[in-house]
Amino acid sequence: MSIHWFLPTASDGRSLAVGTQRSHGPGIDQPASQSPCADRFRPPDLRYLTQIAQAAEQLGFDAVLTPTNTWCEDAWLTCAALARETERLRFMVALRPGYLVPTLAAQMAATFQRHSGGRLLLNIVTGGEDTEQARFGDHLIKSQRYQRCDEFLTVLRGAWSGTPFTFTGQHYDVRDATVLAPPDPIPEVLFGGSSTEAGPVAAAHADTYLTWGEPPDQVAAKLDRIRKLAAAAGRTVRFGIRFHVVTRDTSQEAWAAAERLIAGIDPDHIDRVQRVLAASQSTGQAAMNQLHTAYRTTRRTADLEIYPNVWAGVGLLRGGAGTALVGSHREVADRITEYQALGIEEFVLSGFPHLEEAYWVGEGVLPLLTPRPTAAVTR
């Protein structure tokens, strides 16, 4: 089992409202200055991100996920800078195939591996919303993006093979693609996607299939589908899951901290964000939206606990991963163990603020896990 942390390269703070003024599109989110926690907004400067990375390394996390989005700092450049500030920690760089040609991505990854001592992982993100993709000049529809992603990963691995690789497809036409020297080790490819189009791509190329946190029965069904697709392709894949975490010494303290993340936020503001998220083309986002349907009707915070210690409150204000493990250290460790029993081997966790919550998880939860997570050793 590997436990990873997260680098908040868009913003961080003690409320889910801070720093999100453009995360769902212009005019949707409250400007940080209007947030009830505006004075606690933390910009993602290098000094602060270094604190988080060094804390994650000290606490025993294996890697940190660095996201990709218009409103984030660039993942490649950020991780390259932080690699000089750490020794063992690995960097899970989120990469969108439409923004780089695969041979250049192969070259960048190989260079990163050599300069960092083999500490790169790649999180392949097929695409976002059409408006997000269009900002980068990408106008393919969703099905075409998955076709391109399949070709991208074929060329990427071919360029790493040590033998000049030639490929002609609908989206890429390369002759003798290669790099100075194959990366050592070959970066692990993590891939997520809940749609019908995502499954075959994951089965063909992913080392680890990532899912957002849902109740165990839903996760089990998804994993079973990907296992069957991978078996049909003659492959096996590992599985990972993405959760936020709010953990404290007692369950009562943890739930109080979770409530504070959304306290004082105008319900009309939540409704505006929900309308934007409801229009998403993402199958995974639609699943996240369904998890707090009851709350939107009743406005009872109790309805945000969709499974013991699984809280859908993050998804009220944030797109993407919308659930958190909430509870005492033992309760959170027990939930992680429950998901591990389904076949989950990698847990990508985060919390608000990311510096403090890393310590709560690292000092409170990680020692309770059996077997203990193993951290990568720098070559």
Protein backbone atom coordinates (compact mmCIF):
# COMPACT_ATOMS: atom_id res chain seq x y z
CA MET A 1 0.00 0.00 0.00
CA SER A 2 1.27 3.46 -0.95
CA ILE A 3 -0.08 6.67 0.58
CA HIS A 4 0.37 9.91 -1.38
CA TRP A 5 -0.32 13.55 -0.56
CA PHE A 6 -1.29 16.57 -2.70
CA LEU A 7 0.26 19.91 -3.70
CA PRO A 8 -2.37 22.72 -3.77
CA THR A 9 -0.95 24.66 -6.71
CA ALA A 10 -4.13 26.74 -7.14
CA SER A 11 -4.79 27.81 -3.55
CA ASP A 12 -5.04 26.62 0.02
CA GLY A 13 -6.78 27.72 3.19
CA ARG A 14 -9.05 26.84 6.09
CA SER A 15 -12.30 27.09 4.13
CA LEU A 16 -13.48 25.50 0.91
CA ALA A 17 -14.39 28.99 -0.32
CA VAL A 18 -10.96 30.62 -0.18
CA GLY A 19 -9.00 31.01 -3.34
CA THR A 20 -11.63 29.43 -5.59
CA GLN A 21 -12.84 32.60 -7.27
CA ARG A 22 -12.16 31.25 -10.76
CA SER A 23 -11.97 27.52 -10.25
CA HIS A 24 -15.38 26.85 -11.81
CA GLY A 25 -15.34 29.69 -14.33
CA PRO A 26 -15.45 33.50 -14.26
CA GLY A 27 -18.20 34.97 -12.11
CA ILE A 28 -19.08 31.73 -10.32
CA ASP A 29 -17.04 31.68 -7.14
CA GLN A 30 -16.76 34.31 -4.48
CA PRO A 31 -13.63 36.44 -4.76
CA ALA A 32 -11.24 35.54 -1.97
CA SER A 33 -11.75 39.00 -0.46
CA GLN A 34 -15.43 38.18 0.11
CA SER A 35 -14.77 34.80 1.69
CA PRO A 36 -15.44 34.39 5.43
CA CYS A 37 -11.84 33.14 5.68
CA ALA A 38 -10.22 35.64 3.31
CA ASP A 39 -7.50 36.48 5.80
CA ARG A 40 -6.41 32.84 5.78
CA PHE A 41 -6.01 32.43 2.02
CA ARG A 42 -2.60 30.97 1.15
CA PRO A 43 -1.24 31.60 -2.34
CA PRO A 44 0.66 28.67 -3.90
CA ASP A 45 4.10 30.27 -3.83
CA LEU A 46 7.21 28.13 -3.91
CA ARG A 47 8.05 28.70 -0.26
CA TYR A 48 4.69 27.35 0.92
CA LEU A 49 4.69 24.43 -1.52
CA THR A 50 8.18 23.55 -0.32
CA GLN A 51 6.88 23.39 3.25
CA ILE A 52 4.19 20.94 2.18
CA ALA A 53 6.55 18.78 0.11
CA GLN A 54 9.14 18.59 2.86
CA ALA A 55 6.47 17.79 5.46
CA ALA A 56 5.07 15.02 3.24
CA GLU A 57 8.53 13.55 2.85
CA GLN A 58 9.28 13.72 6.58
CA LEU A 59 5.93 12.14 7.49
CA GLY A 60 6.40 9.16 5.20
CA PHE A 61 4.12 9.88 2.24
CA ASP A 62 5.36 8.23 -0.94
CA ALA A 63 4.54 10.93 -3.49
CA VAL A 64 2.59 14.15 -4.03
CA LEU A 65 0.03 14.65 -6.79
CA THR A 66 0.40 17.96 -8.61
CA PRO A 67 -2.76 18.91 -10.56
CA THR A 68 -3.23 20.45 -13.98
CA ASN A 69 -5.76 23.20 -14.65
CA THR A 70 -5.89 26.72 -16.03
CA TRP A 71 -5.89 28.11 -12.49
CA CYS A 72 -2.98 25.98 -11.21
CA GLU A 73 0.71 26.66 -11.44
CA ASP A 74 2.35 24.45 -14.07
CA ALA A 75 2.90 20.96 -12.67
CA TRP A 76 6.16 20.19 -14.47
CA LEU A 77 7.94 23.38 -13.45
CA THR A 78 6.64 23.24 -9.89
CA CYS A 79 7.76 19.65 -9.37
CA ALA A 80 11.15 20.28 -10.97
CA ALA A 81 11.73 23.10 -8.48
CA LEU A 82 10.57 21.01 -5.51
CA ALA A 83 12.70 18.03 -6.51
CA ARG A 84 15.73 20.13 -5.49
CA GLU A 85 14.17 20.74 -2.07
CA THR A 86 13.49 17.06 -1.29
CA GLU A 87 15.45 13.80 -1.33
CA ARG A 88 13.07 10.84 -1.39
CA LEU A 89 9.60 12.19 -2.19
CA ARG A 90 8.22 11.26 -5.60
CA PHE A 91 6.21 13.64 -7.81
CA MET A 92 2.98 12.62 -9.54
CA VAL A 93 2.78 15.12 -12.38
CA ALA A 94 -0.69 15.53 -13.91
CA LEU A 95 -0.38 15.69 -17.69
CA ARG A 96 -2.99 16.38 -20.36
CA PRO A 97 -2.12 14.68 -23.66
CA GLY A 98 -3.65 17.46 -25.76
CA TYR A 99 -1.18 20.05 -24.49
CA LEU A 100 2.10 18.31 -25.42
CA VAL A 101 3.21 16.11 -28.28
CA PRO A 102 4.04 12.67 -26.90
CA THR A 103 7.71 12.62 -27.96
CA LEU A 104 8.36 15.88 -26.10
CA ALA A 105 6.52 14.49 -23.06
CA ALA A 106 8.72 11.38 -23.25
CA GLN A 107 11.83 13.57 -23.36
CA MET A 108 10.67 15.70 -20.42
CA ALA A 109 9.87 12.61 -18.36
CA ALA A 110 13.21 10.98 -19.12
CA THR A 111 15.07 14.15 -18.17
CA PHE A 112 13.06 14.49 -14.94
CA GLN A 113 13.89 10.89 -14.00
CA ARG A 114 17.61 11.43 -14.47
CA HIS A 115 17.74 14.77 -12.66
CA SER A 116 15.53 13.64 -9.75
CA GLY A 117 16.93 10.16 -9.20
CA GLY A 118 13.90 8.33 -10.57
CA ARG A 119 11.15 10.16 -8.67
CA LEU A 120 8.58 10.85 -11.40
CA LEU A 121 5.07 9.40 -11.73
CA LEU A 122 2.65 10.51 -14.46
CA ASN A 123 -1.06 11.10 -13.87
CA ILE A 124 -2.64 11.15 -17.32
CA VAL A 125 -5.69 13.42 -17.47
CA THR A 126 -7.48 12.89 -20.78
CA GLY A 127 -9.21 16.26 -20.69
CA GLY A 128 -11.46 18.68 -18.87
CA GLU A 129 -14.50 20.57 -20.02
CA ASP A 130 -14.66 21.84 -23.61
CA THR A 131 -14.18 25.43 -22.42
CA GLU A 132 -11.08 24.45 -20.45
CA GLN A 133 -9.60 22.56 -23.39
CA ALA A 134 -10.34 25.44 -25.76
CA ARG A 135 -8.18 27.79 -23.69
CA PHE A 136 -5.25 25.66 -24.81
CA GLY A 137 -6.37 25.43 -28.42
CA ASP A 138 -7.81 21.92 -28.08
CA HIS A 139 -11.22 21.56 -29.73
CA LEU A 140 -11.66 17.79 -29.87
CA ILE A 141 -14.83 16.32 -28.42
CA LYS A 142 -14.66 13.89 -25.50
CA SER A 143 -14.60 10.65 -27.55
CA GLN A 144 -11.84 12.04 -29.76
CA ARG A 145 -9.80 13.03 -26.71
CA TYR A 146 -9.80 9.42 -25.52
CA GLN A 147 -8.74 8.23 -28.98
CA ARG A 148 -5.90 10.73 -28.91
CA CYS A 149 -4.95 9.70 -25.38
CA ASP A 150 -4.65 6.08 -26.51
CA GLU A 151 -2.29 7.12 -29.31
CA PHE A 152 -0.38 9.48 -27.02
CA LEU A 153 0.40 6.73 -24.53
CA THR A 154 1.38 4.36 -27.34
CA VAL A 155 3.93 6.86 -28.67
CA LEU A 156 5.10 7.84 -25.17
CA ARG A 157 5.99 4.25 -24.26
CA GLY A 158 7.44 3.66 -27.72
CA ALA A 159 9.80 6.62 -27.35
CA TRP A 160 10.97 5.21 -24.00
CA SER A 161 11.67 1.77 -25.45
CA GLY A 162 15.28 2.40 -26.43
CA THR A 163 14.52 1.65 -30.08
CA PRO A 164 13.41 4.34 -32.55
CA PHE A 165 9.62 4.12 -32.71
CA THR A 166 7.47 4.93 -35.73
CA PHE A 167 3.72 5.33 -35.47
CA THR A 168 0.93 6.62 -37.72
CA GLY A 169 -2.53 7.21 -36.27
CA GLN A 170 -5.42 9.64 -36.51
CA HIS A 171 -3.79 12.17 -34.19
CA TYR A 172 -0.04 11.50 -34.27
CA ASP A 173 2.41 10.66 -37.02
CA VAL A 174 5.96 10.21 -35.70
CA ARG A 175 9.12 8.84 -37.30
CA ASP A 176 11.85 7.25 -35.16
CA ALA A 177 10.60 8.76 -31.90
CA THR A 178 13.15 8.27 -29.14
CA VAL A 179 14.92 9.96 -26.22
CA LEU A 180 18.55 10.41 -25.18
CA ALA A 181 18.27 7.35 -22.93
CA PRO A 182 15.24 5.45 -21.63
CA PRO A 183 14.12 6.71 -18.22
CA ASP A 184 15.18 4.51 -15.32
CA PRO A 185 12.83 3.46 -13.95
CA ILE A 186 10.07 3.91 -16.52
CA PRO A 187 7.60 6.31 -14.85
CA GLU A 188 4.47 4.68 -13.52
CA VAL A 189 1.39 5.79 -15.48
CA LEU A 190 -1.71 6.52 -13.39
CA PHE A 191 -4.95 7.01 -15.30
CA GLY A 192 -8.52 7.81 -14.27
CA GLY A 193 -11.85 8.02 -16.00
CA SER A 194 -15.35 6.71 -15.32
CA SER A 195 -16.81 6.94 -18.81
CA THR A 196 -17.29 4.10 -21.28
CA GLU A 197 -14.50 5.54 -23.42
CA ALA A 198 -12.03 5.59 -20.52
CA GLY A 199 -12.13 1.88 -19.70
CA PRO A 200 -10.32 0.46 -22.75
CA VAL A 201 -7.63 3.13 -22.56
CA ALA A 202 -7.00 2.35 -18.89
CA ALA A 203 -6.93 -1.38 -19.63
CA ALA A 204 -4.41 -0.95 -22.44
CA HIS A 205 -2.01 1.55 -20.86
CA ALA A 206 -2.44 2.25 -17.14
CA ASP A 207 -0.14 0.87 -14.48
CA THR A 208 -2.61 2.17 -11.88
CA TYR A 209 -6.26 3.01 -12.46
CA LEU A 210 -7.44 5.89 -10.27
CA THR A 211 -10.99 6.47 -9.09
CA TRP A 212 -12.51 9.26 -7.04
CA GLY A 213 -13.80 8.30 -3.60
CA GLU A 214 -17.27 6.75 -3.69
CA PRO A 215 -19.02 4.29 -1.34
CA PRO A 216 -17.33 0.87 -1.37
CA ASP A 217 -20.00 -0.91 -3.42
CA GLN A 218 -19.68 1.64 -6.21
CA VAL A 219 -15.89 1.46 -6.12
CA ALA A 220 -15.98 -2.34 -6.19
CA ALA A 221 -18.18 -2.34 -9.30
CA LYS A 222 -15.85 0.07 -11.09
CA LEU A 223 -12.75 -1.95 -10.20
CA ASP A 224 -14.39 -5.15 -11.39
CA ARG A 225 -15.17 -3.55 -14.76
CA ILE A 226 -11.58 -2.38 -15.25
CA ARG A 227 -10.16 -5.75 -14.14
CA LYS A 228 -12.22 -7.51 -16.82
CA LEU A 229 -11.18 -5.05 -19.51
CA ALA A 230 -7.51 -5.37 -18.52
CA ALA A 231 -7.73 -9.18 -18.52
CA ALA A 232 -9.23 -9.09 -22.01
CA ALA A 233 -6.23 -6.98 -23.07
CA GLY A 234 -3.83 -9.47 -21.49
CA ARG A 235 -2.83 -7.09 -18.71
CA THR A 236 -3.30 -6.49 -14.99
CA VAL A 237 -3.52 -3.07 -13.38
CA ARG A 238 -3.18 -1.73 -9.87
CA PHE A 239 -5.89 0.46 -8.36
CA GLY A 240 -5.78 3.78 -6.56
CA ILE A 241 -8.34 6.13 -5.03
CA ARG A 242 -8.52 9.87 -4.43
CA PHE A 243 -9.90 11.19 -1.12
CA HIS A 244 -9.67 14.33 0.95
CA VAL A 245 -9.19 13.72 4.68
CA VAL A 246 -10.29 15.42 7.89
CA THR A 247 -8.90 13.50 10.86
CA ARG A 248 -8.42 14.41 14.52
CA ASP A 249 -7.81 12.69 17.83
CA THR A 250 -11.55 12.14 18.29
CA SER A 251 -14.45 11.67 15.91
CA GLN A 252 -16.24 14.71 17.35
CA GLU A 253 -13.25 16.95 16.68
CA ALA A 254 -12.94 15.68 13.13
CA TRP A 255 -16.59 16.28 12.25
CA ALA A 256 -16.43 19.76 13.79
CA ALA A 257 -13.41 20.53 11.60
CA ALA A 258 -15.26 19.27 8.52
CA GLU A 259 -18.23 21.48 9.32
CA ARG A 260 -15.93 24.50 9.58
CA LEU A 261 -14.79 23.98 5.99
CA ILE A 262 -18.25 24.95 4.73
CA ALA A 263 -19.44 27.12 7.63
CA GLY A 264 -20.74 30.59 6.79
CA ILE A 265 -20.91 30.03 3.04
CA ASP A 266 -24.02 31.48 1.39
CA PRO A 267 -26.35 28.65 0.27
CA ASP A 268 -27.04 30.62 -2.92
CA HIS A 269 -23.34 30.48 -3.66
CA ILE A 270 -23.36 26.71 -3.22
CA ASP A 271 -26.33 26.49 -5.59
CA ARG A 272 -24.45 28.52 -8.23
CA VAL A 273 -21.45 26.21 -8.04
CA GLN A 274 -23.72 23.16 -8.21
CA ARG A 275 -25.40 24.44 -11.37
CA VAL A 276 -22.02 24.76 -13.05
CA LEU A 277 -20.89 21.31 -11.92
CA ALA A 278 -24.20 19.78 -13.06
CA ALA A 279 -23.43 20.92 -16.61
CA SER A 280 -20.12 19.02 -16.63
CA GLN A 281 -19.46 16.51 -19.40
CA SER A 282 -17.46 14.32 -17.01
CA THR A 283 -18.99 10.97 -16.03
CA GLY A 284 -16.93 11.01 -12.83
CA GLN A 285 -18.14 14.51 -11.97
CA ALA A 286 -21.74 13.41 -12.48
CA ALA A 287 -21.14 10.60 -9.99
CA MET A 288 -19.69 13.09 -7.49
CA ASN A 289 -22.72 15.35 -7.94
CA GLN A 290 -25.11 12.50 -7.13
CA LEU A 291 -23.47 11.93 -3.75
CA HIS A 292 -24.95 15.07 -2.20
CA THR A 293 -28.38 15.03 -3.85
CA ALA A 294 -30.11 14.47 -0.51
CA TYR A 295 -28.34 17.44 1.09
CA ARG A 296 -29.40 19.80 -1.68
CA THR A 297 -33.01 18.91 -0.86
CA THR A 298 -32.90 18.78 2.94
CA ARG A 299 -29.95 21.13 3.72
CA ARG A 300 -29.16 18.77 6.60
CA THR A 301 -25.42 18.36 7.03
CA ALA A 302 -26.03 14.81 8.29
CA ASP A 303 -27.03 13.90 4.72
CA LEU A 304 -23.50 14.66 3.55
CA GLU A 305 -22.23 11.49 5.28
CA ILE A 306 -22.95 9.06 2.45
CA TYR A 307 -21.21 6.07 4.09
CA PRO A 308 -19.65 5.76 7.54
CA ASN A 309 -16.84 8.35 7.69
CA VAL A 310 -17.25 9.27 3.99
CA TRP A 311 -18.33 12.91 3.63
CA ALA A 312 -19.50 14.53 0.38
CA GLY A 313 -19.18 18.10 1.63
CA VAL A 314 -16.12 18.98 -0.44
CA GLY A 315 -18.08 18.42 -3.64
CA LEU A 316 -20.50 21.21 -2.72
CA LEU A 317 -17.87 23.80 -3.62
CA ARG A 318 -15.14 21.99 -5.54
CA GLY A 319 -15.13 20.10 -8.80
CA GLY A 320 -13.22 16.87 -9.13
CA ALA A 321 -12.67 14.71 -6.09
CA GLY A 322 -15.57 15.68 -3.84
CA THR A 323 -15.44 13.29 -0.90
CA ALA A 324 -13.42 13.16 2.32
CA LEU A 325 -12.66 10.53 4.91
CA VAL A 326 -13.74 12.14 8.19
CA GLY A 327 -13.22 10.74 11.66
CA SER A 328 -10.79 9.84 14.37
CA HIS A 329 -7.42 8.48 13.33
CA ARG A 330 -8.60 4.92 13.98
CA GLU A 331 -11.84 5.45 12.01
CA VAL A 332 -9.98 6.85 9.00
CA ALA A 333 -7.43 4.02 9.16
CA ASP A 334 -10.30 1.51 9.27
CA ARG A 335 -11.91 3.04 6.17
CA ILE A 336 -8.60 2.95 4.31
CA THR A 337 -8.25 -0.71 5.26
CA GLU A 338 -11.79 -1.37 4.01
CA TYR A 339 -10.99 0.14 0.62
CA GLN A 340 -7.69 -1.72 0.56
CA ALA A 341 -9.64 -4.97 0.91
CA LEU A 342 -11.43 -4.11 -2.35
CA GLY A 343 -8.07 -4.04 -4.13
CA ILE A 344 -7.02 -0.40 -3.68
CA GLU A 345 -3.24 -0.22 -3.33
CA GLU A 346 -2.61 3.50 -3.71
CA PHE A 347 -4.37 6.28 -1.79
CA VAL A 348 -4.00 9.87 -2.99
CA LEU A 349 -5.04 12.04 -0.05
CA SER A 350 -5.33 15.76 0.64
CA GLY A 351 -6.78 18.10 3.26
CA PHE A 352 -7.41 21.73 4.10
CA PRO A 353 -5.04 23.34 4.80
CA HIS A 354 -2.65 20.86 3.23
CA LEU A 355 0.29 21.60 5.51
CA GLU A 356 -1.53 21.06 8.81
CA GLU A 357 -3.66 18.16 7.58
CA ALA A 358 -0.54 16.35 6.35
CA TYR A 359 0.62 16.25 9.97
CA TRP A 360 -2.76 15.03 11.25
CA VAL A 361 -2.71 12.18 8.73
CA GLY A 362 1.00 11.45 8.90
CA GLU A 363 1.24 11.37 12.68
CA GLY A 364 -2.26 10.06 13.46
CA VAL A 365 -3.34 7.71 10.68
CA LEU A 366 -0.26 6.29 8.95
CA PRO A 367 1.09 4.56 12.10
CA LEU A 368 -2.22 2.69 12.44
CA LEU A 369 -2.16 1.13 8.99
CA THR A 370 -1.12 -2.51 8.70
CA PRO A 371 1.01 -3.12 6.80
CA ARG A 372 2.59 0.29 7.16
CA PRO A 373 2.86 2.24 3.89
CA THR A 374 6.31 1.93 2.37
CA ALA A 375 8.05 5.01 1.06
CA ALA A 376 10.13 4.89 -2.09
CA VAL A 377 13.88 4.92 -1.70
CA THR A 378 15.86 7.30 -3.86
CA ARG A 379 18.19 5.49 -6.21
